[in-house]
Amino acid sequence: MAALQTVTRDAARYLGLASSVGTVSVGKKADLVVLEADPLASIANVRRIHSVVSRGRVFGPAERVRLLGEIERAALEWQPPVAASRAGEVLAGRCC
């Protein structure tokens, strides 16, 4: 329980945001992760995500798989900007 409180409630307090985030309370902002198993039984259960609620929208298992696939495809297709791709040449003294 202490680990979960550290990354939620305690983090909000440390950042001075406890009045608006950090716990599930009326009037506070919260994104939620719905787990398939109790994280108090085993912290490894935090990886067993069933659904996510973000900005009021529920992303169930099928939606999560679809979105993660789109993100993975976009990452594989990404190319760095030309200037960034030449940074190695500049640092190695092979340019300019």
C-alpha atoms as a PDB file:
ATOM      1  CA  MET A   1       0.000   0.000   0.000  1.00  0.00           C
ATOM      2  CA  ALA A   2       2.852   2.377   0.817  1.00  0.00           C
ATOM      3  CA  ALA A   3       4.262   2.137  -2.718  1.00  0.00           C
ATOM      4  CA  LEU A   4       0.888   3.023  -4.270  1.00  0.00           C
ATOM      5  CA  GLN A   5       0.407   5.947  -1.890  1.00  0.00           C
ATOM      6  CA  THR A   6       3.908   7.208  -2.655  1.00  0.00           C
ATOM      7  CA  VAL A   7       3.225   7.512  -6.388  1.00  0.00           C
ATOM      8  CA  THR A   8      -0.264   9.000  -5.965  1.00  0.00           C
ATOM      9  CA  ARG A   9      -1.251  10.848  -2.802  1.00  0.00           C
ATOM     10  CA  ASP A  10       2.263  11.587  -1.545  1.00  0.00           C
ATOM     11  CA  ALA A  11       3.480  12.769  -4.954  1.00  0.00           C
ATOM     12  CA  ALA A  12       0.556  15.203  -5.187  1.00  0.00           C
ATOM     13  CA  ARG A  13       1.350  16.567  -1.714  1.00  0.00           C
ATOM     14  CA  TYR A  14       5.039  16.989  -2.568  1.00  0.00           C
ATOM     15  CA  LEU A  15       4.154  18.906  -5.742  1.00  0.00           C
ATOM     16  CA  GLY A  16       1.629  21.085  -3.924  1.00  0.00           C
ATOM     17  CA  LEU A  17      -1.267  19.642  -5.944  1.00  0.00           C
ATOM     18  CA  ALA A  18      -3.085  17.667  -3.242  1.00  0.00           C
ATOM     19  CA  SER A  19      -6.183  19.867  -3.460  1.00  0.00           C
ATOM     20  CA  SER A  20      -6.764  18.876  -7.102  1.00  0.00           C
ATOM     21  CA  VAL A  21      -5.144  15.442  -7.647  1.00  0.00           C
ATOM     22  CA  GLY A  22      -3.626  12.474  -5.811  1.00  0.00           C
ATOM     23  CA  THR A  23      -6.741  10.799  -4.430  1.00  0.00           C
ATOM     24  CA  VAL A  24     -10.134   9.834  -5.818  1.00  0.00           C
ATOM     25  CA  SER A  25     -12.435  12.472  -4.343  1.00  0.00           C
ATOM     26  CA  VAL A  26     -15.342  14.624  -5.492  1.00  0.00           C
ATOM     27  CA  GLY A  27     -14.053  17.618  -7.437  1.00  0.00           C
ATOM     28  CA  LYS A  28     -10.559  16.248  -8.054  1.00  0.00           C
ATOM     29  CA  LYS A  29      -9.103  15.299 -11.427  1.00  0.00           C
ATOM     30  CA  ALA A  30      -8.220  11.636 -11.775  1.00  0.00           C
ATOM     31  CA  ASP A  31      -7.128   9.204 -14.442  1.00  0.00           C
ATOM     32  CA  LEU A  32      -7.670   5.640 -13.277  1.00  0.00           C
ATOM     33  CA  VAL A  33      -6.209   2.247 -14.081  1.00  0.00           C
ATOM     34  CA  VAL A  34      -8.509  -0.739 -13.489  1.00  0.00           C
ATOM     35  CA  LEU A  35      -6.431  -3.800 -12.663  1.00  0.00           C
ATOM     36  CA  GLU A  36      -7.299  -7.474 -13.121  1.00  0.00           C
ATOM     37  CA  ALA A  37      -5.735  -8.419  -9.789  1.00  0.00           C
ATOM     38  CA  ASP A  38      -5.040  -6.887  -6.388  1.00  0.00           C
ATOM     39  CA  PRO A  39      -1.760  -4.926  -6.337  1.00  0.00           C
ATOM     40  CA  LEU A  40      -1.642  -5.317  -2.552  1.00  0.00           C
ATOM     41  CA  ALA A  41      -1.393  -9.093  -2.985  1.00  0.00           C
ATOM     42  CA  SER A  42       1.554  -8.660  -5.365  1.00  0.00           C
ATOM     43  CA  ILE A  43       3.003  -5.433  -6.730  1.00  0.00           C
ATOM     44  CA  ALA A  44       3.517  -7.291 -10.039  1.00  0.00           C
ATOM     45  CA  ASN A  45      -0.262  -7.082 -10.467  1.00  0.00           C
ATOM     46  CA  VAL A  46       0.086  -3.417 -11.461  1.00  0.00           C
ATOM     47  CA  ARG A  47       1.062  -4.774 -14.888  1.00  0.00           C
ATOM     48  CA  ARG A  48      -2.263  -6.637 -15.224  1.00  0.00           C
ATOM     49  CA  ILE A  49      -4.219  -3.707 -16.647  1.00  0.00           C
ATOM     50  CA  HIS A  50      -7.832  -4.306 -17.641  1.00  0.00           C
ATOM     51  CA  SER A  51      -9.022  -0.798 -18.490  1.00  0.00           C
ATOM     52  CA  VAL A  52      -7.954   2.827 -18.266  1.00  0.00           C
ATOM     53  CA  VAL A  53     -10.112   5.875 -17.581  1.00  0.00           C
ATOM     54  CA  SER A  54      -8.508   9.060 -18.904  1.00  0.00           C
ATOM     55  CA  ARG A  55     -10.183  12.465 -19.071  1.00  0.00           C
ATOM     56  CA  GLY A  56     -13.534  10.791 -18.517  1.00  0.00           C
ATOM     57  CA  ARG A  57     -13.143   8.278 -21.347  1.00  0.00           C
ATOM     58  CA  VAL A  58     -13.006   4.528 -20.680  1.00  0.00           C
ATOM     59  CA  PHE A  59     -10.498   2.506 -22.688  1.00  0.00           C
ATOM     60  CA  GLY A  60     -11.396  -1.176 -22.328  1.00  0.00           C
ATOM     61  CA  PRO A  61      -9.178  -4.110 -23.327  1.00  0.00           C
ATOM     62  CA  ALA A  62     -10.016  -4.036 -27.064  1.00  0.00           C
ATOM     63  CA  GLU A  63      -9.598  -0.267 -27.324  1.00  0.00           C
ATOM     64  CA  ARG A  64      -6.262  -0.412 -25.477  1.00  0.00           C
ATOM     65  CA  VAL A  65      -4.932  -3.097 -27.867  1.00  0.00           C
ATOM     66  CA  ARG A  66      -6.029  -1.032 -30.881  1.00  0.00           C
ATOM     67  CA  LEU A  67      -4.468   2.193 -29.567  1.00  0.00           C
ATOM     68  CA  LEU A  68      -1.220   0.515 -28.538  1.00  0.00           C
ATOM     69  CA  GLY A  69      -0.966  -1.039 -32.019  1.00  0.00           C
ATOM     70  CA  GLU A  70      -1.387   2.389 -33.622  1.00  0.00           C
ATOM     71  CA  ILE A  71       1.294   3.858 -31.371  1.00  0.00           C
ATOM     72  CA  GLU A  72       3.689   1.003 -32.135  1.00  0.00           C
ATOM     73  CA  ARG A  73       3.174   1.384 -35.899  1.00  0.00           C
ATOM     74  CA  ALA A  74       3.704   5.149 -35.697  1.00  0.00           C
ATOM     75  CA  ALA A  75       6.905   4.650 -33.698  1.00  0.00           C
ATOM     76  CA  LEU A  76       8.260   2.187 -36.263  1.00  0.00           C
ATOM     77  CA  GLU A  77       7.497   4.593 -39.127  1.00  0.00           C
ATOM     78  CA  TRP A  78       8.951   7.674 -37.423  1.00  0.00           C
ATOM     79  CA  GLN A  79      11.965   9.306 -39.014  1.00  0.00           C
ATOM     80  CA  PRO A  80      14.028  12.000 -37.285  1.00  0.00           C
ATOM     81  CA  PRO A  81      14.061  15.475 -38.817  1.00  0.00           C
ATOM     82  CA  VAL A  82      16.911  16.018 -41.289  1.00  0.00           C
ATOM     83  CA  ALA A  83      18.744  18.402 -38.970  1.00  0.00           C
ATOM     84  CA  ALA A  84      18.649  15.896 -36.114  1.00  0.00           C
ATOM     85  CA  SER A  85      19.864  13.085 -38.361  1.00  0.00           C
ATOM     86  CA  ARG A  86      22.974  15.120 -39.210  1.00  0.00           C
ATOM     87  CA  ALA A  87      23.836  15.845 -35.567  1.00  0.00           C
ATOM     88  CA  GLY A  88      26.234  12.891 -35.473  1.00  0.00           C
ATOM     89  CA  GLU A  89      28.141  14.279 -38.461  1.00  0.00           C
ATOM     90  CA  VAL A  90      28.483  17.660 -36.800  1.00  0.00           C
ATOM     91  CA  LEU A  91      29.690  16.149 -33.534  1.00  0.00           C
ATOM     92  CA  ALA A  92      32.197  13.958 -35.391  1.00  0.00           C
ATOM     93  CA  GLY A  93      33.571  16.986 -37.242  1.00  0.00           C
ATOM     94  CA  ARG A  94      32.552  15.621 -40.673  1.00  0.00           C
ATOM     95  CA  CYS A  95      30.469  18.575 -41.640  1.00  0.00           C
ATOM     96  CA  CYS A  96      30.581  22.323 -41.933  1.00  0.00           C
END
